[in-house]
Protein backbone atom coordinates (compact mmCIF):
# COMPACT_ATOMS: atom_id res chain seq x y z
CA ARG A 1 -115.39 105.30 -92.13
CA ALA A 2 -115.78 106.92 -95.52
CA ASN A 3 -117.67 109.99 -94.27
CA PHE A 4 -119.52 111.26 -91.21
CA ALA A 5 -122.80 109.70 -92.36
CA SER A 6 -121.25 106.25 -92.68
CA SER A 7 -121.05 103.82 -89.79
CA TRP A 8 -117.72 102.73 -88.35
CA SER A 9 -116.13 99.61 -89.79
CA THR A 10 -114.82 96.75 -87.68
CA PRO A 11 -111.49 97.74 -86.08
CA GLU A 12 -108.47 96.09 -87.64
CA ASN A 13 -104.90 95.54 -86.53
CA LEU A 14 -102.62 97.82 -88.53
CA GLY A 15 -99.71 95.41 -88.09
CA PHE A 16 -97.37 97.75 -86.23
CA HIS A 17 -96.88 99.09 -82.74
CA GLY A 18 -96.45 102.69 -81.74
CA GLN A 19 -97.85 105.39 -79.55
CA SER A 20 -99.31 108.84 -80.03
CA PRO A 21 -100.81 108.10 -83.48
CA ALA A 22 -101.91 111.04 -85.61
CA ILE A 23 -103.55 110.67 -89.00
CA SER A 24 -103.41 113.16 -91.85
CA GLY A 25 -106.56 115.05 -92.85
CA ASP A 26 -107.05 112.91 -95.96
CA GLY A 27 -106.61 109.67 -93.98
CA LEU A 28 -103.76 108.49 -96.19
CA THR A 29 -100.80 108.91 -93.82
CA ILE A 30 -100.38 107.93 -90.18
CA TYR A 31 -97.63 109.36 -87.97
CA TYR A 32 -96.64 107.67 -84.71
CA VAL A 33 -93.84 107.42 -82.15
CA VAL A 34 -91.82 104.23 -81.68
CA GLY A 35 -89.06 103.56 -79.17
CA GLY A 36 -85.74 101.80 -79.11
CA SER A 37 -82.74 101.49 -81.38
CA ALA A 38 -84.16 98.46 -83.20
CA ASN A 39 -86.97 100.64 -84.57
CA CYS A 40 -85.20 103.98 -84.89
CA GLY A 41 -81.48 103.61 -85.24
CA VAL A 42 -81.15 105.96 -82.26
CA SER A 43 -81.20 105.30 -78.55
CA GLY A 44 -84.71 106.56 -77.89
CA PRO A 45 -88.12 107.22 -79.43
CA CYS A 46 -88.47 108.57 -82.96
CA VAL A 47 -91.32 109.53 -85.28
CA LYS A 48 -92.36 107.23 -88.14
CA ARG A 49 -94.80 107.63 -91.03
CA ARG A 50 -96.75 105.10 -93.10
CA SER A 51 -98.80 105.99 -96.18
CA ARG A 52 -101.42 104.30 -98.33
CA PRO A 53 -102.87 105.07 -101.79
CA SER A 54 -106.52 105.15 -100.67
CA VAL A 55 -108.51 105.05 -97.44
CA GLY A 56 -109.48 101.39 -98.00
CA ALA A 57 -105.91 100.25 -98.72
CA PRO A 58 -103.46 98.98 -96.08
CA PHE A 59 -100.65 101.23 -94.86
CA GLY A 60 -97.26 100.64 -96.50
CA ALA A 61 -93.79 100.25 -94.98
CA PRO A 62 -92.61 102.75 -92.36
CA SER A 63 -90.29 105.62 -93.10
CA ASP A 64 -88.54 107.97 -90.70
CA VAL A 65 -89.78 111.53 -90.29
CA ALA A 66 -86.71 113.76 -90.42
CA LEU A 67 -86.90 116.07 -87.42
CA PRO A 68 -84.32 118.62 -86.29
CA GLY A 69 -82.42 118.32 -83.05
CA GLY A 70 -82.00 114.57 -82.64
CA LEU A 71 -84.14 114.59 -79.50
CA GLN A 72 -86.11 111.67 -78.10
CA TYR A 73 -89.78 112.51 -78.62
CA ASN A 74 -92.55 111.17 -76.41
CA SER A 75 -95.39 112.27 -78.64
CA ALA A 76 -96.01 113.78 -82.04
CA ASP A 77 -99.15 115.23 -83.57
CA ILE A 78 -99.51 116.33 -87.17
CA SER A 79 -101.83 118.95 -88.66
CA GLY A 80 -104.47 117.79 -91.13
CA ASP A 81 -102.50 119.25 -94.04
CA GLU A 82 -99.28 117.60 -92.73
CA LEU A 83 -97.40 120.91 -92.77
CA THR A 84 -97.07 121.40 -89.00
CA ILE A 85 -95.84 118.89 -86.44
CA LEU A 86 -96.14 119.28 -82.68
CA VAL A 87 -93.77 117.21 -80.52
CA SER A 88 -93.12 116.84 -76.81
CA TYR A 89 -90.19 115.43 -74.89
CA PRO A 90 -89.04 115.48 -71.27
CA GLY A 91 -87.17 118.54 -70.04
CA ILE A 92 -84.35 118.50 -67.49
CA ASP A 93 -86.84 118.99 -64.65
CA GLY A 94 -89.09 116.19 -65.93
CA GLN A 95 -91.73 118.62 -67.22
CA PRO A 96 -92.65 118.18 -70.89
CA ILE A 97 -91.26 120.59 -73.44
CA VAL A 98 -93.60 121.19 -76.39
CA GLN A 99 -92.35 122.48 -79.73
CA ASP A 100 -93.70 122.82 -83.25
CA SER A 101 -92.23 123.02 -86.72
CA THR A 102 -93.79 123.98 -90.04
CA ARG A 103 -92.68 123.00 -93.53
CA ALA A 104 -93.50 124.46 -96.96
CA ASN A 105 -94.91 121.23 -98.45
CA THR A 106 -95.22 117.55 -97.58
CA ALA A 107 -92.06 116.64 -99.54
CA ALA A 108 -89.94 119.04 -97.45
CA ASN A 109 -88.29 118.21 -94.12
CA PHE A 110 -89.27 119.91 -90.89
CA GLU A 111 -86.51 122.42 -90.18
CA VAL A 112 -86.47 124.42 -86.95
CA PHE A 113 -88.58 123.80 -83.87
CA GLN A 114 -90.07 126.71 -81.96
CA ALA A 115 -90.84 126.35 -78.28
CA ILE A 116 -94.47 126.71 -77.30
CA PRO A 117 -94.98 128.27 -73.87
CA ALA A 118 -96.54 125.68 -71.60
CA LEU A 119 -99.47 126.49 -69.39
CA THR A 120 -98.93 125.54 -65.79
CA TYR A 121 -101.89 124.62 -63.64
CA ASP A 122 -101.80 124.63 -59.86
CA ILE A 123 -103.99 121.73 -58.80
CA THR A 124 -102.97 121.79 -55.14
CA ASN A 125 -105.79 124.16 -54.13
CA ARG A 126 -108.75 122.69 -55.95
CA ASP A 127 -112.28 123.38 -54.85
CA ALA A 128 -113.52 120.81 -52.33
């Protein structure tokens, strides 16, 4: 929709498959995770980006988002200004590891990931 006062348009197929979609604050770029070597050139999931010139225009061809570490990401979320990315991937013990990276501008690559301490919840003793 064009603004908060507008009604939602009819949903449309964007013509690509992925998971964990995140759209930029201006609505012109969508980031998402795809899996498999046919989509990524690596053995596991990777992050892709598609852009468009205006909100009403279709998204263009995908491009890879250069991320440090060569890890297989399960999810990726992008900040509205597209300067910070938050990714998660499975750790050795199966628990997700969450990291973020910030870049100077949208033309720059994401450089170094910083680990974000995970909160652990004990749900074994929940109130009855």
